[in-house]
């Protein structure tokens, strides 16, 4: 039995029976929706999937003519998708409780990966869908950008922002809160001085969820498509930007992995970036 939940706990689910596949997806739609470097999905027979409570917070967004994406309308966590056409449920691995007993087998849409992310684990890589999927990629219109300005947007395009200041730091965080909030192996957060951040459209469509009991931790997302969104930390005077939402280069590369003592059992850190059990100590 595999169980999982969103960050706020409003959506809970279980899968009766072992997953049959697990993979990392680097397509721009997954990066936008999760706000992360990539999404990790497991597939299992839909007949064994059950919601463990009400689903009134479930929000669905039609992302293409043949597919949709779901999230929790309270906290923004990505939700499982039941694919009636294939008979499988597709579940974001970042929201699983414990070890699902399966490991990622390959990367897909590696040709679309973020320029700042390095695939270093040695798993097979497919430029788009693996051949056995017999599927074609969804064509997406390019986003208009301005040279010299850091820009980003959500999956549906309703929310967009730009940043004129230089980044302060860029970390991959493996804590359980970030994994559930981004529904991914880890978050990829950039920190910019808030004075240089500006919404260009859709600010009223961004919802923030502050985790009860947390001093600083919160998430933000587009209420239409569920994509991760930046949020302003007033206490620290920084803009926390999910790197997966970027449309341009961030201005720096990642500095390391933090909270690796809490990382997902199914994820292997294979790059050469520094690793810290928790938060690195400033000197």
Protein backbone atom coordinates (compact mmCIF):
# COMPACT_ATOMS: atom_id res chain seq x y z
CA UNK A 1 0.00 0.00 0.00
CA UNK A 2 1.36 3.39 -1.01
CA UNK A 3 -0.09 6.55 0.53
CA UNK A 4 0.38 10.25 -0.12
CA UNK A 5 -0.92 13.71 0.64
CA UNK A 6 -0.71 17.33 -0.39
CA UNK A 7 1.18 19.85 1.75
CA UNK A 8 -1.85 21.05 3.71
CA UNK A 9 -3.34 17.56 4.06
CA UNK A 10 -6.69 18.41 2.44
CA UNK A 11 -6.09 15.79 -0.28
CA UNK A 12 -5.02 12.30 0.79
CA UNK A 13 -4.84 9.15 -1.28
CA UNK A 14 -3.66 5.55 -1.36
CA UNK A 15 -2.63 3.09 -4.04
CA UNK A 16 -3.34 -0.57 -3.43
CA UNK A 17 -0.72 -2.48 -5.37
CA UNK A 18 2.84 -1.80 -6.53
CA UNK A 19 3.64 1.00 -9.00
CA UNK A 20 4.63 -0.18 -12.47
CA UNK A 21 6.80 2.74 -13.60
CA UNK A 22 8.70 5.75 -12.29
CA UNK A 23 10.43 8.43 -14.33
CA UNK A 24 11.69 12.01 -14.32
CA UNK A 25 10.08 14.46 -16.77
CA UNK A 26 11.90 17.64 -17.84
CA UNK A 27 9.27 19.08 -20.18
CA UNK A 28 8.53 22.78 -19.81
CA UNK A 29 4.94 22.06 -18.75
CA UNK A 30 6.05 19.91 -15.82
CA UNK A 31 8.72 22.42 -14.82
CA UNK A 32 6.17 25.23 -14.87
CA UNK A 33 3.49 23.30 -13.03
CA UNK A 34 5.79 22.08 -10.26
CA UNK A 35 8.04 25.12 -10.23
CA UNK A 36 10.91 22.64 -9.98
CA UNK A 37 13.82 21.42 -12.11
CA UNK A 38 11.76 18.40 -13.18
CA UNK A 39 8.79 16.30 -12.12
CA UNK A 40 8.99 12.69 -10.97
CA UNK A 41 5.93 10.55 -11.69
CA UNK A 42 4.93 7.04 -10.75
CA UNK A 43 2.32 5.09 -12.66
CA UNK A 44 0.06 2.47 -11.10
CA UNK A 45 -3.17 0.68 -12.11
CA UNK A 46 -6.05 3.13 -11.63
CA UNK A 47 -8.20 0.40 -10.10
CA UNK A 48 -6.04 0.46 -6.98
CA UNK A 49 -6.21 4.23 -6.49
CA UNK A 50 -8.51 5.77 -3.88
CA UNK A 51 -8.99 9.20 -2.39
CA UNK A 52 -9.01 9.01 1.41
CA UNK A 53 -11.45 11.81 2.03
CA UNK A 54 -13.16 14.77 0.36
CA UNK A 55 -11.80 16.15 -2.91
CA UNK A 56 -13.57 19.50 -2.84
CA UNK A 57 -10.20 21.33 -2.86
CA UNK A 58 -9.13 19.60 -6.10
CA UNK A 59 -8.59 22.06 -8.97
CA UNK A 60 -8.24 20.84 -12.55
CA UNK A 61 -6.67 22.75 -15.44
CA UNK A 62 -6.99 21.67 -19.07
CA UNK A 63 -3.35 22.00 -20.14
CA UNK A 64 -3.82 20.65 -23.67
CA UNK A 65 -6.48 19.14 -25.91
CA UNK A 66 -5.70 15.68 -24.64
CA UNK A 67 -4.62 16.23 -21.04
CA UNK A 68 -5.20 18.04 -17.79
CA UNK A 69 -3.29 18.77 -14.60
CA UNK A 70 -4.57 18.92 -11.05
CA UNK A 71 -3.61 20.59 -7.81
CA UNK A 72 -4.89 21.31 -4.32
CA UNK A 73 -6.62 24.68 -4.32
CA UNK A 74 -5.51 25.35 -0.74
CA UNK A 75 -1.74 24.72 -0.83
CA UNK A 76 -0.97 24.30 -4.53
CA UNK A 77 0.53 20.79 -4.32
CA UNK A 78 0.24 18.88 -7.59
CA UNK A 79 -2.40 16.15 -7.36
CA UNK A 80 -2.61 12.65 -8.90
CA UNK A 81 -4.19 12.30 -12.34
CA UNK A 82 -6.43 9.34 -13.17
CA UNK A 83 -5.99 8.58 -16.88
CA UNK A 84 -9.08 6.65 -17.91
CA UNK A 85 -7.73 6.17 -21.45
CA UNK A 86 -4.75 4.12 -20.27
CA UNK A 87 -6.19 2.72 -17.04
CA UNK A 88 -3.37 4.20 -14.95
CA UNK A 89 -3.11 6.81 -12.25
CA UNK A 90 -0.14 9.18 -12.58
CA UNK A 91 1.09 10.34 -9.17
CA UNK A 92 3.67 13.04 -8.32
CA UNK A 93 6.31 11.19 -6.30
CA UNK A 94 7.11 14.19 -4.12
CA UNK A 95 3.80 13.75 -2.31
CA UNK A 96 4.28 10.10 -1.39
CA UNK A 97 4.64 8.98 2.21
CA UNK A 98 7.74 6.85 2.77
CA UNK A 99 9.41 4.64 0.21
CA UNK A 100 7.21 3.43 -2.70
CA UNK A 101 9.56 0.50 -3.37
CA UNK A 102 10.35 1.59 -6.92
CA UNK A 103 13.11 3.76 -8.38
CA UNK A 104 13.22 6.11 -11.40
CA UNK A 105 14.05 4.22 -14.58
CA UNK A 106 14.72 7.05 -17.07
CA UNK A 107 14.43 10.71 -17.98
CA UNK A 108 12.02 11.98 -20.62
CA UNK A 109 12.01 15.32 -22.43
CA UNK A 110 15.69 15.65 -21.63
CA UNK A 111 15.98 17.88 -24.71
CA UNK A 112 13.75 20.37 -22.91
CA UNK A 113 15.55 20.36 -19.57
CA UNK A 114 16.40 23.57 -17.74
CA UNK A 115 19.81 24.90 -18.75
CA UNK A 116 20.82 25.25 -15.10
CA UNK A 117 20.07 21.61 -14.23
CA UNK A 118 22.59 18.82 -14.85
CA UNK A 119 21.44 15.22 -15.37
CA UNK A 120 24.24 13.19 -13.78
CA UNK A 121 22.68 9.93 -12.61
CA UNK A 122 23.44 7.78 -15.68
CA UNK A 123 19.80 6.79 -16.29
CA UNK A 124 18.63 6.50 -19.92
CA UNK A 125 17.57 9.81 -21.44
CA UNK A 126 14.86 10.37 -24.06
CA UNK A 127 14.60 13.65 -25.96
CA UNK A 128 10.80 13.53 -25.67
CA UNK A 129 8.43 10.66 -24.81
CA UNK A 130 10.00 7.19 -24.65
CA UNK A 131 9.17 5.28 -27.88
CA UNK A 132 6.97 2.74 -26.08
CA UNK A 133 4.60 5.53 -25.03
CA UNK A 134 3.63 6.08 -28.70
CA UNK A 135 2.81 9.71 -27.91
CA UNK A 136 3.75 13.02 -29.50
CA UNK A 137 4.73 16.15 -27.61
CA UNK A 138 2.34 19.06 -27.21
CA UNK A 139 3.53 22.10 -29.15
CA UNK A 140 3.72 25.24 -27.02
CA UNK A 141 4.09 28.80 -28.24
CA UNK A 142 7.34 30.45 -27.15
CA UNK A 143 7.15 33.05 -24.39
CA UNK A 144 8.17 36.58 -25.33
CA UNK A 145 11.14 37.76 -23.28
CA UNK A 146 13.24 40.91 -22.93
CA UNK A 147 17.05 40.59 -23.14
CA UNK A 148 18.84 41.39 -19.91
CA UNK A 149 15.78 40.92 -17.71
CA UNK A 150 15.03 37.80 -15.64
CA UNK A 151 11.47 36.79 -16.50
CA UNK A 152 9.06 34.01 -15.58
CA UNK A 153 5.45 32.93 -15.91
CA UNK A 154 3.00 30.21 -14.95
CA UNK A 155 1.82 27.35 -17.16
CA UNK A 156 -1.41 29.02 -18.28
CA UNK A 157 0.37 32.36 -18.83
CA UNK A 158 -2.00 34.41 -16.69
CA UNK A 159 0.75 35.17 -14.15
CA UNK A 160 4.09 36.71 -15.12
CA UNK A 161 6.92 38.57 -13.43
CA UNK A 162 10.30 40.17 -14.03
CA UNK A 163 13.37 40.77 -11.88
CA UNK A 164 15.95 43.52 -12.32
CA UNK A 165 18.21 42.66 -9.37
CA UNK A 166 21.00 40.08 -9.19
CA UNK A 167 20.24 36.77 -7.45
CA UNK A 168 21.41 36.21 -3.88
CA UNK A 169 21.45 32.42 -3.75
CA UNK A 170 20.09 29.33 -5.48
CA UNK A 171 19.60 26.00 -3.69
CA UNK A 172 17.99 22.63 -4.25
CA UNK A 173 16.10 21.85 -1.03
CA UNK A 174 15.20 18.26 -0.11
CA UNK A 175 13.18 18.92 3.06
CA UNK A 176 9.81 17.18 3.29
CA UNK A 177 7.96 20.50 3.16
CA UNK A 178 9.56 21.49 -0.14
CA UNK A 179 9.02 18.04 -1.61
CA UNK A 180 5.31 18.15 -0.76
CA UNK A 181 4.91 21.79 -1.69
CA UNK A 182 6.54 21.37 -5.11
CA UNK A 183 5.41 17.72 -5.49
CA UNK A 184 8.92 16.88 -6.72
CA UNK A 185 12.19 15.25 -5.66
CA UNK A 186 13.30 18.65 -4.39
CA UNK A 187 12.54 22.30 -4.87
CA UNK A 188 14.80 24.64 -6.84
CA UNK A 189 14.48 28.05 -5.22
CA UNK A 190 16.15 31.30 -6.19
CA UNK A 191 16.32 34.24 -3.83
CA UNK A 192 16.39 37.80 -5.16
CA UNK A 193 16.17 41.14 -3.32
CA UNK A 194 12.46 41.92 -3.22
CA UNK A 195 13.09 45.51 -4.34
CA UNK A 196 14.01 44.23 -7.80
CA UNK A 197 10.95 42.03 -8.24
CA UNK A 198 7.85 43.14 -10.15
CA UNK A 199 4.65 41.40 -11.21
CA UNK A 200 3.87 42.18 -14.84
CA UNK A 201 0.45 40.56 -14.78
CA UNK A 202 -1.79 38.26 -12.74
CA UNK A 203 -0.71 39.15 -9.19
CA UNK A 204 -4.34 38.96 -8.08
CA UNK A 205 -4.43 35.36 -9.32
CA UNK A 206 -1.59 34.20 -7.03
CA UNK A 207 -2.53 32.53 -3.76
CA UNK A 208 -0.11 32.06 -0.88
CA UNK A 209 -0.29 29.22 1.62
CA UNK A 210 1.59 29.59 4.88
CA UNK A 211 2.24 26.29 6.62
CA UNK A 212 0.90 26.43 10.19
CA UNK A 213 3.69 26.46 12.77
CA UNK A 214 6.42 27.34 10.25
CA UNK A 215 8.46 30.48 10.83
CA UNK A 216 9.10 31.30 7.17
CA UNK A 217 7.91 28.42 5.01
CA UNK A 218 5.11 29.13 2.56
CA UNK A 219 4.16 28.33 -1.02
CA UNK A 220 2.50 30.38 -3.74
CA UNK A 221 0.70 29.27 -6.88
CA UNK A 222 -1.52 30.36 -9.75
CA UNK A 223 -5.13 29.62 -8.81
CA UNK A 224 -6.07 28.83 -12.41
CA UNK A 225 -3.40 26.32 -13.48
CA UNK A 226 -1.77 25.45 -10.13
CA UNK A 227 1.75 26.37 -11.26
CA UNK A 228 4.27 27.36 -8.65
CA UNK A 229 4.68 31.13 -8.33
CA UNK A 230 7.10 33.52 -6.61
CA UNK A 231 6.30 34.93 -3.22
CA UNK A 232 7.66 37.90 -1.34
CA UNK A 233 9.11 37.13 2.09
CA UNK A 234 8.52 40.45 3.84
CA UNK A 235 10.45 39.32 6.91
CA UNK A 236 13.63 38.69 4.91
CA UNK A 237 13.01 41.24 2.13
CA UNK A 238 13.56 38.64 -0.58
CA UNK A 239 11.56 37.27 -3.48
CA UNK A 240 11.52 33.45 -3.37
CA UNK A 241 11.28 32.29 -6.97
CA UNK A 242 10.61 28.67 -8.03
CA UNK A 243 13.25 28.22 -10.73
CA UNK A 244 11.00 25.99 -12.83
CA UNK A 245 8.80 29.01 -13.60
CA UNK A 246 11.64 30.95 -15.26
CA UNK A 247 11.47 31.83 -18.96
CA UNK A 248 15.03 33.22 -19.06
CA UNK A 249 18.37 32.46 -17.45
CA UNK A 250 18.35 33.03 -13.65
CA UNK A 251 21.64 34.92 -13.42
CA UNK A 252 23.43 32.20 -11.43
CA UNK A 253 23.61 28.43 -11.13
CA UNK A 254 22.62 26.32 -8.11
CA UNK A 255 25.01 26.46 -5.16
CA UNK A 256 24.23 23.11 -3.59
CA UNK A 257 21.76 20.72 -2.02
CA UNK A 258 20.33 21.52 1.42
CA UNK A 259 18.44 19.33 3.90
CA UNK A 260 19.79 16.21 2.24
CA UNK A 261 19.29 14.35 5.54
CA UNK A 262 15.57 14.56 4.68
CA UNK A 263 15.79 13.66 0.99
CA UNK A 264 13.45 11.19 -0.67
CA UNK A 265 14.62 7.57 -0.44
CA UNK A 266 14.00 7.09 -4.16
CA UNK A 267 16.15 10.01 -5.32
CA UNK A 268 19.93 9.83 -5.84
CA UNK A 269 22.03 13.00 -5.76
CA UNK A 270 24.57 12.35 -8.50
CA UNK A 271 26.03 15.76 -9.29
CA UNK A 272 29.11 17.37 -7.73
CA UNK A 273 27.37 20.24 -5.95
CA UNK A 274 28.01 20.64 -2.20
CA UNK A 275 25.58 18.82 0.08
CA UNK A 276 24.40 19.99 3.49
CA UNK A 277 22.49 17.85 5.99
CA UNK A 278 20.35 20.88 6.83
CA UNK A 279 20.84 24.60 6.16
CA UNK A 280 24.47 25.65 5.60
CA UNK A 281 25.96 27.86 8.30
CA UNK A 282 26.72 31.38 7.20
CA UNK A 283 30.13 32.82 8.06
